[in-house]
Protein backbone atom coordinates (compact mmCIF):
# COMPACT_ATOMS: atom_id res chain seq x y z
CA MET A 1 -54.87 -41.85 28.36
CA CYS A 2 -53.69 -39.21 30.72
CA VAL A 3 -54.84 -35.68 30.07
CA HIS A 4 -54.12 -32.75 32.31
CA HIS A 5 -54.69 -29.05 32.13
CA HIS A 6 -52.68 -27.07 34.60
CA VAL A 7 -51.78 -28.36 38.02
CA SER A 8 -53.59 -25.53 39.83
CA LEU A 9 -56.78 -26.16 37.83
CA ASP A 10 -56.56 -29.90 38.44
CA LEU A 11 -55.97 -29.32 42.16
CA GLN A 12 -59.02 -27.05 42.30
CA ARG A 13 -61.08 -29.72 40.53
CA TYR A 14 -59.77 -32.34 42.99
CA PHE A 15 -60.74 -30.19 45.99
CA ASN A 16 -64.19 -29.88 44.46
CA GLY A 17 -64.50 -33.67 44.61
CA GLU A 18 -63.66 -34.55 41.02
CA ILE A 19 -61.55 -37.64 40.35
CA ILE A 20 -58.29 -36.38 38.88
CA ASP A 21 -55.41 -38.47 37.55
CA PHE A 22 -52.26 -36.68 38.67
CA SER A 23 -49.95 -39.35 37.22
CA CYS A 24 -49.35 -37.19 34.13
CA TYR A 25 -47.43 -34.63 36.12
CA ASP A 26 -43.71 -35.09 36.36
CA VAL A 27 -42.58 -34.97 39.95
CA GLY A 28 -38.96 -34.32 40.75
CA LEU A 29 -37.71 -36.65 43.42
CA SER A 30 -34.11 -35.47 43.31
CA GLY A 31 -32.48 -35.00 46.66
CA LEU A 32 -34.26 -38.04 48.06
CA THR A 33 -32.66 -41.42 48.67
CA SER A 34 -33.49 -44.27 46.33
CA PHE A 35 -35.57 -45.82 49.15
CA GLU A 36 -37.55 -42.59 49.61
CA GLN A 37 -38.09 -42.36 45.85
CA GLN A 38 -39.30 -45.97 45.82
CA VAL A 39 -41.77 -45.30 48.64
CA LEU A 40 -43.18 -42.15 47.02
CA THR A 41 -43.42 -43.82 43.61
CA ALA A 42 -45.35 -46.71 45.16
CA ALA A 43 -47.64 -44.31 47.03
CA ARG A 44 -48.33 -42.55 43.76
CA SER A 45 -49.90 -45.74 42.40
CA ILE A 46 -52.66 -45.85 45.06
CA PRO A 47 -55.88 -45.06 43.19
CA TRP A 48 -58.33 -42.30 44.07
CA GLY A 49 -60.77 -43.41 46.75
CA SER A 50 -58.52 -46.24 48.01
CA ILE A 51 -56.32 -46.62 51.05
CA ILE A 52 -53.57 -49.00 52.07
CA THR A 53 -51.75 -49.44 55.36
CA TYR A 54 -48.13 -48.57 55.97
CA SER A 55 -47.49 -52.32 56.25
CA GLN A 56 -49.09 -52.96 52.86
CA LEU A 57 -46.87 -50.28 51.35
CA THR A 58 -43.79 -51.99 52.80
CA LEU A 59 -44.86 -55.19 51.05
CA MET A 60 -45.40 -53.32 47.77
CA ILE A 61 -41.78 -52.18 47.80
CA GLY A 62 -40.41 -55.51 49.08
CA ARG A 63 -39.31 -54.13 52.47
CA PRO A 64 -41.75 -55.73 54.96
CA ARG A 65 -39.84 -54.61 58.06
CA ALA A 66 -39.48 -50.96 57.04
CA THR A 67 -42.77 -49.59 58.36
CA ARG A 68 -41.21 -46.74 60.33
CA ALA A 69 -38.85 -45.86 57.46
CA VAL A 70 -41.80 -45.80 55.06
CA GLY A 71 -43.58 -43.31 57.32
CA THR A 72 -40.47 -41.15 57.42
CA ALA A 73 -40.13 -41.28 53.63
CA LEU A 74 -43.79 -40.31 53.17
CA GLY A 75 -43.12 -37.33 55.41
CA LYS A 76 -40.66 -36.05 52.80
CA ASN A 77 -43.36 -35.82 50.14
CA ARG A 78 -43.16 -32.30 48.71
CA VAL A 79 -46.33 -32.62 46.63
CA PRO A 80 -49.20 -34.07 48.67
CA VAL A 81 -52.29 -34.92 46.60
CA ILE A 82 -50.15 -35.36 43.47
CA ILE A 83 -48.30 -38.07 45.38
CA PRO A 84 -51.26 -39.18 47.52
CA CYS A 85 -49.49 -40.14 50.73
CA HIS A 86 -52.73 -39.30 52.58
CA ARG A 87 -54.02 -42.64 51.24
CA VAL A 88 -51.55 -44.53 53.43
CA VAL A 89 -53.04 -45.14 56.87
CA SER A 90 -52.18 -47.07 60.00
CA LYS A 91 -53.96 -50.26 61.01
CA SER A 92 -55.67 -48.42 63.85
CA GLY A 93 -56.56 -45.08 62.29
CA PRO A 94 -55.43 -42.39 59.92
CA GLY A 95 -51.80 -42.35 61.01
CA GLY A 96 -49.60 -39.30 60.68
CA PHE A 97 -49.38 -36.61 58.05
CA SER A 98 -46.84 -33.83 57.56
CA TYR A 99 -49.58 -31.23 57.31
CA GLY A 100 -51.55 -32.58 60.28
CA VAL A 101 -54.07 -35.35 60.76
CA ASP A 102 -56.98 -32.93 60.24
CA VAL A 103 -55.73 -32.16 56.73
CA LYS A 104 -55.23 -35.87 56.04
CA GLN A 105 -58.78 -36.63 57.10
CA ARG A 106 -60.08 -33.76 54.96
CA LEU A 107 -58.27 -35.17 51.91
CA LEU A 108 -59.63 -38.64 52.64
CA GLY A 109 -63.10 -37.13 53.04
CA ILE A 110 -62.86 -35.53 49.59
CA GLU A 111 -62.40 -39.06 48.30
CA SER A 112 -65.28 -40.37 50.46
CA ILE A 113 -62.94 -42.41 52.65
CA LYS A 114 -63.63 -42.67 56.37
CA VAL A 115 -60.82 -43.87 58.64
């Protein structure tokens, strides 16, 4: 069962290292293409403390040749952490992140993930 308090409280708890289920929060994806919505919805399903590669995400959405497009769609994420696009990494390292690779690595570190 999904229980949440207030997004700012849950974000604070997350940044303090607590496992938080953000799936309860409605996220508006209007203004995005159906492909971008599909990518962000799939990224939202990646559990806390886990990572997948961009290629694995393309397979999840049934678009195995869309690696670059997936990266572009992830870059349109307006609510990082709630949609955990930081959990999508490249085969050779952390990959990109709209807010900078340092921020991505910090978020991964909160979840005890080293890339």
